[in-house]
Every structure is written in C-alpha cells, then in structure tokens.
Protein backbone atom coordinates (compact mmCIF):
# COMPACT_ATOMS: atom_id res chain seq x y z
CA MET A 1 123.22 82.47 1.05
CA VAL A 2 119.32 83.37 -0.18
CA ASN A 3 118.88 80.24 -1.26
CA LYS A 4 120.00 78.21 1.75
CA VAL A 5 117.44 80.43 3.88
CA VAL A 6 114.71 79.32 1.55
CA ARG A 7 115.54 75.43 1.73
CA LYS A 8 115.56 76.00 5.47
CA LYS A 9 112.10 77.50 6.04
CA LEU A 10 110.77 74.80 3.33
CA LEU A 11 112.15 72.00 5.73
CA GLU A 12 110.57 73.84 9.04
CA GLN A 13 107.66 73.72 7.01
CA LYS A 14 107.73 70.35 5.90
CA THR A 15 108.87 69.34 9.64
CA ASN A 16 106.02 71.42 11.13
CA LYS A 17 103.25 70.00 8.99
CA GLU A 18 104.41 66.00 8.91
CA ARG A 19 104.37 66.53 13.04
CA LEU A 20 101.04 67.74 12.99
CA LEU A 21 99.65 65.12 10.84
CA VAL A 22 100.96 62.66 13.22
CA GLU A 23 99.92 64.52 16.46
CA ASN A 24 96.09 65.00 14.64
CA THR A 25 96.28 60.77 14.09
CA ILE A 26 97.10 60.64 17.79
CA VAL A 27 94.05 62.37 19.15
CA THR A 28 91.90 60.80 16.55
CA ASN A 29 92.77 57.68 17.20
CA ARG A 30 92.65 58.51 21.36
CA LEU A 31 89.37 60.16 20.48
CA LYS A 32 87.83 57.20 18.38
CA MET A 33 88.89 54.50 20.85
CA ILE A 34 86.39 56.66 23.84
CA PHE A 35 83.35 56.70 21.71
CA GLU A 36 83.80 53.70 20.46
CA SER A 37 83.30 52.20 23.68
CA ALA A 38 79.94 53.72 24.01
CA GLY A 39 78.64 52.19 21.12
CA ASP A 40 77.79 53.14 17.41
CA THR A 41 78.68 56.50 17.38
CA LYS A 42 75.56 57.40 15.57
CA THR A 43 73.46 56.71 19.05
CA ILE A 44 75.18 58.14 21.49
CA GLN A 45 72.60 61.03 22.01
CA ASN A 46 70.60 58.11 22.66
CA LEU A 47 72.52 57.23 25.64
CA THR A 48 70.88 57.51 29.39
CA GLU A 49 71.99 60.04 31.37
CA SER A 50 73.83 58.08 32.99
CA GLU A 51 75.64 57.23 30.20
CA LYS A 52 76.28 60.31 28.62
CA GLU A 53 78.17 61.45 31.97
CA LYS A 54 80.40 58.59 32.10
CA LEU A 55 80.89 59.44 28.11
CA SER A 56 81.72 62.78 29.31
CA ILE A 57 83.68 62.23 32.15
CA ALA A 58 85.64 59.82 29.79
CA PHE A 59 86.23 62.56 27.02
CA PHE A 60 87.23 65.58 29.15
CA THR A 61 89.62 63.71 30.87
CA GLU A 62 91.20 62.40 27.80
CA VAL A 63 90.87 66.38 26.96
CA SER A 64 92.97 67.45 29.85
CA ARG A 65 95.62 64.71 29.24
CA LEU A 66 95.98 65.96 25.51
CA ASN A 67 96.50 69.48 26.57
CA ASN A 68 98.60 68.45 28.82
CA MET A 69 100.43 66.82 26.34
CA ASN A 70 100.35 70.11 24.35
CA LEU A 71 98.10 68.33 21.54
CA ILE A 72 95.21 70.30 21.38
CA ASN A 73 95.48 72.93 18.80
CA GLU A 74 93.14 74.64 16.39
CA GLN A 75 92.29 71.55 14.49
CA PHE A 76 90.87 69.78 17.41
CA LEU A 77 87.12 70.81 16.28
CA ASP A 78 87.79 69.51 12.61
CA ILE A 79 88.91 66.38 13.87
CA MET A 80 85.62 66.28 15.91
CA LYS A 81 83.52 67.10 12.92
CA SER A 82 85.68 64.73 10.67
CA ILE A 83 84.66 61.48 13.33
CA PHE A 84 80.76 62.72 13.89
CA GLY A 85 79.94 64.05 10.68
CA ASN A 86 77.15 66.34 10.92
CA ALA A 87 76.31 65.34 14.08
CA PHE A 88 78.92 67.04 15.88
CA SER A 89 76.41 69.86 17.36
CA GLY A 90 74.23 67.63 19.06
CA ILE A 91 76.94 64.91 20.45
CA ALA A 92 78.65 68.34 21.83
CA GLN A 93 75.56 69.39 23.47
CA SER A 94 75.60 65.54 24.60
CA LEU A 95 78.85 65.67 25.93
CA ILE A 96 78.37 69.08 27.28
CA GLU A 97 75.08 68.94 29.59
CA PRO A 98 76.80 66.60 32.12
CA LEU A 99 79.26 69.22 32.81
CA VAL A 100 77.13 72.06 32.99
CA ASN A 101 74.23 69.98 34.90
CA SER A 102 77.15 69.43 37.38
CA LEU A 103 78.54 72.79 38.02
CA LEU A 104 75.28 74.57 38.18
CA SER A 105 73.84 71.47 40.55
CA GLY A 106 76.59 72.79 43.07
CA LEU A 107 76.17 76.38 42.45
CA GLY A 108 72.41 75.99 42.80
CA LEU A 109 71.87 77.86 39.26
CA LYS A 110 69.14 76.09 36.86
CA GLY A 111 66.51 77.42 34.36
CA PHE A 112 67.65 80.08 32.60
CA PHE A 113 71.57 79.68 33.73
CA LYS A 114 71.66 76.04 32.34
CA ASP A 115 69.93 76.67 29.02
CA PHE A 116 72.26 79.59 28.65
CA LEU A 117 75.44 77.32 29.42
CA VAL A 118 74.62 74.34 27.62
CA SER A 119 73.99 76.54 24.50
CA PHE A 120 77.27 78.95 24.75
CA PHE A 121 79.77 76.07 25.30
CA THR A 122 77.99 73.78 22.62
CA ARG A 123 78.43 77.32 20.08
CA ASN A 124 81.92 77.68 21.62
CA PRO A 125 83.65 74.51 22.81
CA GLN A 126 87.12 75.30 21.42
CA LYS A 127 86.73 77.36 24.65
CA ILE A 128 86.09 74.78 27.19
CA ILE A 129 88.42 72.28 25.31
CA THR A 130 91.45 74.48 25.87
CA ALA A 131 90.32 75.33 29.25
CA PHE A 132 90.96 71.78 30.62
CA LYS A 133 94.04 72.03 30.98
CA SER A 134 94.02 73.50 34.25
CA CYS A 135 91.33 73.92 37.19
CA ARG A 136 91.99 77.82 36.81
CA ASP A 137 91.45 77.89 33.41
CA LEU A 138 88.27 75.94 33.46
CA THR A 139 87.33 78.87 36.44
CA GLU A 140 87.91 81.41 34.51
CA VAL A 141 85.61 80.81 31.59
CA VAL A 142 83.22 79.24 33.70
CA ALA A 143 83.06 82.66 35.31
CA ALA A 144 83.22 84.58 31.89
CA ALA A 145 80.46 82.45 30.56
CA LEU A 146 78.09 83.06 34.04
CA SER A 147 79.03 86.79 33.74
CA GLU A 148 77.17 86.81 29.70
CA GLY A 149 74.31 84.72 31.24
CA MET A 150 73.98 87.32 33.39
CA VAL A 151 74.29 90.14 31.56
CA MET A 152 71.95 88.85 29.07
CA MET A 153 69.40 88.24 31.44
CA ILE A 154 69.68 91.79 32.86
CA GLN A 155 69.19 93.19 29.48
CA LYS A 156 66.00 90.54 28.64
CA GLU A 157 64.65 92.01 32.13
CA SER A 158 61.27 93.78 30.34
CA GLY A 159 59.16 94.33 33.47
CA LEU A 160 60.69 97.47 34.84
CA SER A 161 61.04 101.11 32.18
CA GLY A 162 61.73 104.74 32.91
CA PHE A 163 64.79 106.48 32.86
CA GLY A 164 66.12 105.52 36.26
CA TYR A 165 65.42 101.29 35.92
CA ASP A 166 67.48 101.91 33.00
CA ALA A 167 70.14 103.35 34.29
CA ILE A 168 70.45 100.83 37.19
CA ARG A 169 70.29 98.13 34.69
CA ASN A 170 72.87 99.11 32.04
CA THR A 171 75.25 100.24 35.28
CA LEU A 172 74.86 96.53 36.83
CA VAL A 173 75.65 95.43 32.47
CA ASP A 174 78.78 97.62 33.00
CA THR A 175 79.97 96.14 36.04
CA VAL A 176 79.39 92.26 35.72
CA GLY A 177 81.57 92.95 32.39
CA ASP A 178 83.88 94.62 34.64
CA ASN A 179 87.89 92.57 34.56
CA LYS A 180 87.47 93.36 38.39
CA PHE A 181 84.31 91.71 38.62
CA LEU A 182 85.23 88.64 36.43
CA GLN A 183 88.20 88.11 38.52
CA SER A 184 86.27 88.71 41.98
CA LEU A 185 84.23 85.81 40.70
CA SER A 186 87.00 83.62 39.91
CA ASP A 187 88.62 83.50 43.01
CA SER A 188 84.72 83.02 44.52
CA LEU A 189 84.49 80.16 41.72
CA GLU A 190 87.98 78.64 42.00
CA THR A 191 88.11 76.18 45.13
CA PHE A 192 84.13 74.50 44.08
CA VAL A 193 85.42 74.40 40.01
CA CYS A 194 88.36 73.10 40.91
CA ASP A 195 86.80 70.38 43.05
CA LEU A 196 84.24 69.79 39.41
CA TYR A 197 87.65 69.54 37.86
CA GLU A 198 89.20 66.62 39.66
CA LYS A 199 86.02 65.15 39.23
CA PHE A 200 86.44 65.10 35.61
CA THR A 201 90.14 63.84 35.55
CA GLY A 202 91.67 63.19 38.54
CA LYS A 203 88.99 61.25 40.55
CA ALA A 204 87.28 59.90 37.29
CA GLU A 205 90.71 57.35 36.62
CA ASP A 206 88.60 54.07 37.42
CA VAL A 207 85.53 55.48 35.29
CA TYR A 208 88.60 56.10 32.30
CA ASP A 209 90.12 52.88 32.39
CA LYS A 210 87.08 50.74 32.76
CA LEU A 211 85.82 52.52 29.60
CA LYS A 212 88.89 51.69 27.62
CA PRO A 213 92.54 50.52 29.08
CA ALA A 214 93.88 50.57 25.63
CA ILE A 215 93.53 54.22 25.31
CA THR A 216 96.41 54.68 27.95
CA SER A 217 98.98 53.15 25.91
CA SER A 218 98.05 54.78 22.27
C-alpha cells in the first residue's frame, strides 16, 4: 500500500514537471517571437520612444494572453532573464516605462511619481506581470504603487518640523496605507486603468498582429 502511494506521488511529480517544462517552452518561444520582431535583443534599449511603446504594447498583450491561459508562473522572470541575461533590468525598464507614461499622463501626474513607479515596477516586475490578468487586478496594483509613492513622498517632506507637523505627517502616512484608502483609490481609478488596460490588450490587436502574426499560432 505504501509503495503504491509513493509510486503515485512520484508519477504525479514527473507529470507536473513535464507539464511545467512544456508550458515554459511555449512561453519562451512566444516571448522570443515578440522581441525578435523588434530586432536584436541587445539593442532594444536603443529603440525610439514610439518603437518602445509598440513593443511594450505587444509584450503586455502577450502577457495578458499567457495569464488567461494560466501559463504565467513563478518561473516567468527566470524565463525573461534567460532571454536577456544581464540586460534584463534595462529591458524591463524599457517595457514598463511606456505603460507608466500612459498611466501618469492620463492622471496628470509626473516628476516624482513617474520616477517612483518606473523604479517600483522595474524592481517588482512580477507584480505588474501577474496583474495583467484583468483590468481590476491591474487597477489594484497601480493603486498600491501610487499609495506607496505617496507615503514615500510624505515621509521625505523635510520643509516642516515640530510635533504638530510630525503628527499630521504620520497620520497621513497611516491613512494612505490603510486598506479602506486603497479600496477607495482603486474604485476611483478603475475606469481609467481599465481603458488603459484595453489599450494595451484588446485595442492593441492591430499593433500586435503587425509585429508578429505567427505568435497567435504558436
């Protein structure tokens, strides 16, 4: 009886390992097609802003599809790093920056928030990758990132001092980090972020298809 249980577990592990290998191979091939369409991966960071935006749209369109196919897992970043090697951090920034630019230009935010969000998502790419499963998921991640940026901005404020100012600043920090604040901010941003999500997925089909029609048949 024990041997049967052990054999069953081993067989399940082998099956899961083989399935994961196949899924990761599919993901790797589909991503390579997108990046190869933009030329040599070593020169992606040298693309024009317009070319970077098209590549970013194609990338996040594919990420959305892979999410919906349940092919995004904890090894996704390892796959990206295997494609780009030491250039991964720079490539990640090149892909994320057009998304952040579109987001903040619509919200009327720039300067500190742009620098913070680009840095935040470049340091935590898995957050925005998994968030591209739905516009609500993306909205919640954006709200959390903006809230964290607001907290940092408040904490860095050094023009005022004294107990009263410290109390106000600390209360604001606590309020911005509160779950109710995040929920309210997410609700306020949802329509706008969902429109942006549509731009980077649904409405981007023509850009995506022009870049690499073969992706859809992989």
